[in-house]
């Protein structure tokens, strides 16, 4: 389980791939009510006056806290789903546990 950093220059596709590689679970990234375009950068779908910057993602972070941080920093709604993307993961699990 590798930690990784997220920045606004990252594409949605790259973020989802790194997340899957690191934790084994699926990351759903939204642009408004729809799924975000894979080729969009995080900065381009950012909402409101979110501050951006870098976020270091660690395996011991809780799913709910990660989802909140993504909203705070980037104004982007994300949800962590199971590895086969069939259901959302419990917010109290850690990211490392989310892909099991």
C-alpha atoms as a PDB file:
ATOM      1  CA  UNK A   1       0.000   0.000   0.000  1.00  0.00           C
ATOM      2  CA  UNK A   2       1.712   3.122  -1.206  1.00  0.00           C
ATOM      3  CA  UNK A   3       0.917   6.630  -0.077  1.00  0.00           C
ATOM      4  CA  UNK A   4       0.695   9.222  -2.803  1.00  0.00           C
ATOM      5  CA  UNK A   5       0.188  12.935  -3.329  1.00  0.00           C
ATOM      6  CA  UNK A   6      -2.691  14.623  -5.131  1.00  0.00           C
ATOM      7  CA  UNK A   7      -2.315  17.977  -6.875  1.00  0.00           C
ATOM      8  CA  UNK A   8      -4.606  20.090  -9.033  1.00  0.00           C
ATOM      9  CA  UNK A   9      -2.562  19.313 -12.148  1.00  0.00           C
ATOM     10  CA  UNK A  10      -3.451  15.629 -11.932  1.00  0.00           C
ATOM     11  CA  UNK A  11      -5.998  14.227 -14.366  1.00  0.00           C
ATOM     12  CA  UNK A  12      -9.062  12.410 -13.074  1.00  0.00           C
ATOM     13  CA  UNK A  13      -7.886   9.240 -14.839  1.00  0.00           C
ATOM     14  CA  UNK A  14      -4.441   9.407 -13.200  1.00  0.00           C
ATOM     15  CA  UNK A  15      -5.959  10.053  -9.760  1.00  0.00           C
ATOM     16  CA  UNK A  16      -8.281   7.050 -10.082  1.00  0.00           C
ATOM     17  CA  UNK A  17      -5.441   4.810 -11.287  1.00  0.00           C
ATOM     18  CA  UNK A  18      -3.055   5.846  -8.487  1.00  0.00           C
ATOM     19  CA  UNK A  19      -5.829   5.412  -5.922  1.00  0.00           C
ATOM     20  CA  UNK A  20      -6.641   1.905  -7.214  1.00  0.00           C
ATOM     21  CA  UNK A  21      -2.938   0.953  -7.305  1.00  0.00           C
ATOM     22  CA  UNK A  22      -2.370   2.235  -3.765  1.00  0.00           C
ATOM     23  CA  UNK A  23      -5.475   0.950  -1.980  1.00  0.00           C
ATOM     24  CA  UNK A  24      -7.207  -1.554  -4.274  1.00  0.00           C
ATOM     25  CA  UNK A  25     -10.535   0.250  -4.073  1.00  0.00           C
ATOM     26  CA  UNK A  26     -12.256   2.313  -6.753  1.00  0.00           C
ATOM     27  CA  UNK A  27     -12.443   6.109  -6.546  1.00  0.00           C
ATOM     28  CA  UNK A  28     -15.534   7.751  -8.004  1.00  0.00           C
ATOM     29  CA  UNK A  29     -14.851  11.363  -8.987  1.00  0.00           C
ATOM     30  CA  UNK A  30     -17.757  13.700  -9.696  1.00  0.00           C
ATOM     31  CA  UNK A  31     -18.131  16.933 -11.612  1.00  0.00           C
ATOM     32  CA  UNK A  32     -21.410  18.222 -10.235  1.00  0.00           C
ATOM     33  CA  UNK A  33     -23.935  15.363 -10.300  1.00  0.00           C
ATOM     34  CA  UNK A  34     -22.159  13.475 -13.095  1.00  0.00           C
ATOM     35  CA  UNK A  35     -18.940  11.498 -13.143  1.00  0.00           C
ATOM     36  CA  UNK A  36     -15.978  13.701 -14.064  1.00  0.00           C
ATOM     37  CA  UNK A  37     -14.331  13.332 -17.464  1.00  0.00           C
ATOM     38  CA  UNK A  38     -11.218  11.130 -17.204  1.00  0.00           C
ATOM     39  CA  UNK A  39      -9.157  13.648 -19.184  1.00  0.00           C
ATOM     40  CA  UNK A  40     -10.073  16.648 -17.013  1.00  0.00           C
ATOM     41  CA  UNK A  41      -7.537  17.954 -14.502  1.00  0.00           C
ATOM     42  CA  UNK A  42      -8.633  18.314 -10.893  1.00  0.00           C
ATOM     43  CA  UNK A  43      -8.090  22.079 -11.127  1.00  0.00           C
ATOM     44  CA  UNK A  44     -10.436  22.306 -14.134  1.00  0.00           C
ATOM     45  CA  UNK A  45     -13.373  20.700 -12.291  1.00  0.00           C
ATOM     46  CA  UNK A  46     -12.710  22.426  -8.977  1.00  0.00           C
ATOM     47  CA  UNK A  47     -15.753  24.207  -7.558  1.00  0.00           C
ATOM     48  CA  UNK A  48     -16.027  27.484  -5.685  1.00  0.00           C
ATOM     49  CA  UNK A  49     -13.131  29.037  -3.818  1.00  0.00           C
ATOM     50  CA  UNK A  50     -11.454  25.834  -2.701  1.00  0.00           C
ATOM     51  CA  UNK A  51      -7.815  26.393  -1.919  1.00  0.00           C
ATOM     52  CA  UNK A  52      -6.209  23.592  -3.921  1.00  0.00           C
ATOM     53  CA  UNK A  53      -2.631  22.658  -3.114  1.00  0.00           C
ATOM     54  CA  UNK A  54      -1.263  19.205  -2.425  1.00  0.00           C
ATOM     55  CA  UNK A  55      -2.882  16.445  -0.427  1.00  0.00           C
ATOM     56  CA  UNK A  56      -0.829  13.534   0.842  1.00  0.00           C
ATOM     57  CA  UNK A  57      -2.986  10.437   0.941  1.00  0.00           C
ATOM     58  CA  UNK A  58      -2.035   7.756   3.462  1.00  0.00           C
ATOM     59  CA  UNK A  59      -3.450   4.299   3.950  1.00  0.00           C
ATOM     60  CA  UNK A  60      -4.371   4.967   7.592  1.00  0.00           C
ATOM     61  CA  UNK A  61      -6.668   7.904   6.646  1.00  0.00           C
ATOM     62  CA  UNK A  62     -10.363   7.147   7.110  1.00  0.00           C
ATOM     63  CA  UNK A  63     -12.492   6.991   3.966  1.00  0.00           C
ATOM     64  CA  UNK A  64     -14.851   9.685   5.297  1.00  0.00           C
ATOM     65  CA  UNK A  65     -11.955  12.016   6.144  1.00  0.00           C
ATOM     66  CA  UNK A  66     -10.419  11.545   2.695  1.00  0.00           C
ATOM     67  CA  UNK A  67     -13.743  12.377   1.014  1.00  0.00           C
ATOM     68  CA  UNK A  68     -14.075  15.506   3.216  1.00  0.00           C
ATOM     69  CA  UNK A  69     -10.492  16.630   2.484  1.00  0.00           C
ATOM     70  CA  UNK A  70     -11.058  16.323  -1.283  1.00  0.00           C
ATOM     71  CA  UNK A  71     -14.130  18.550  -0.928  1.00  0.00           C
ATOM     72  CA  UNK A  72     -12.324  21.076   1.313  1.00  0.00           C
ATOM     73  CA  UNK A  73      -9.142  21.319  -0.761  1.00  0.00           C
ATOM     74  CA  UNK A  74     -10.433  20.885  -4.291  1.00  0.00           C
ATOM     75  CA  UNK A  75     -14.200  21.347  -4.075  1.00  0.00           C
ATOM     76  CA  UNK A  76     -14.527  17.944  -5.730  1.00  0.00           C
ATOM     77  CA  UNK A  77     -16.963  15.278  -4.584  1.00  0.00           C
ATOM     78  CA  UNK A  78     -15.380  11.836  -4.473  1.00  0.00           C
ATOM     79  CA  UNK A  79     -16.601   8.548  -3.096  1.00  0.00           C
ATOM     80  CA  UNK A  80     -14.607   5.434  -2.327  1.00  0.00           C
ATOM     81  CA  UNK A  81     -16.192   2.274  -3.709  1.00  0.00           C
ATOM     82  CA  UNK A  82     -15.301  -1.405  -3.507  1.00  0.00           C
ATOM     83  CA  UNK A  83     -12.596  -2.786  -5.796  1.00  0.00           C
ATOM     84  CA  UNK A  84     -15.229  -3.960  -8.305  1.00  0.00           C
ATOM     85  CA  UNK A  85     -17.099  -0.610  -7.985  1.00  0.00           C
ATOM     86  CA  UNK A  86     -20.309  -2.380  -6.908  1.00  0.00           C
ATOM     87  CA  UNK A  87     -20.897  -0.547  -3.598  1.00  0.00           C
ATOM     88  CA  UNK A  88     -19.628   2.367  -1.553  1.00  0.00           C
ATOM     89  CA  UNK A  89     -17.148   1.644   1.228  1.00  0.00           C
ATOM     90  CA  UNK A  90     -18.012   2.401   4.873  1.00  0.00           C
ATOM     91  CA  UNK A  91     -16.673   5.851   5.816  1.00  0.00           C
ATOM     92  CA  UNK A  92     -15.196   4.554   9.084  1.00  0.00           C
ATOM     93  CA  UNK A  93     -12.770   2.172   7.340  1.00  0.00           C
ATOM     94  CA  UNK A  94      -9.238   3.271   6.532  1.00  0.00           C
ATOM     95  CA  UNK A  95      -8.198   3.627   2.900  1.00  0.00           C
ATOM     96  CA  UNK A  96      -5.972   0.573   3.308  1.00  0.00           C
ATOM     97  CA  UNK A  97      -8.986  -1.464   4.426  1.00  0.00           C
ATOM     98  CA  UNK A  98     -11.222  -0.098   1.670  1.00  0.00           C
ATOM     99  CA  UNK A  99      -9.959  -2.381  -1.086  1.00  0.00           C
ATOM    100  CA  UNK A 100     -10.214  -5.628   0.823  1.00  0.00           C
END
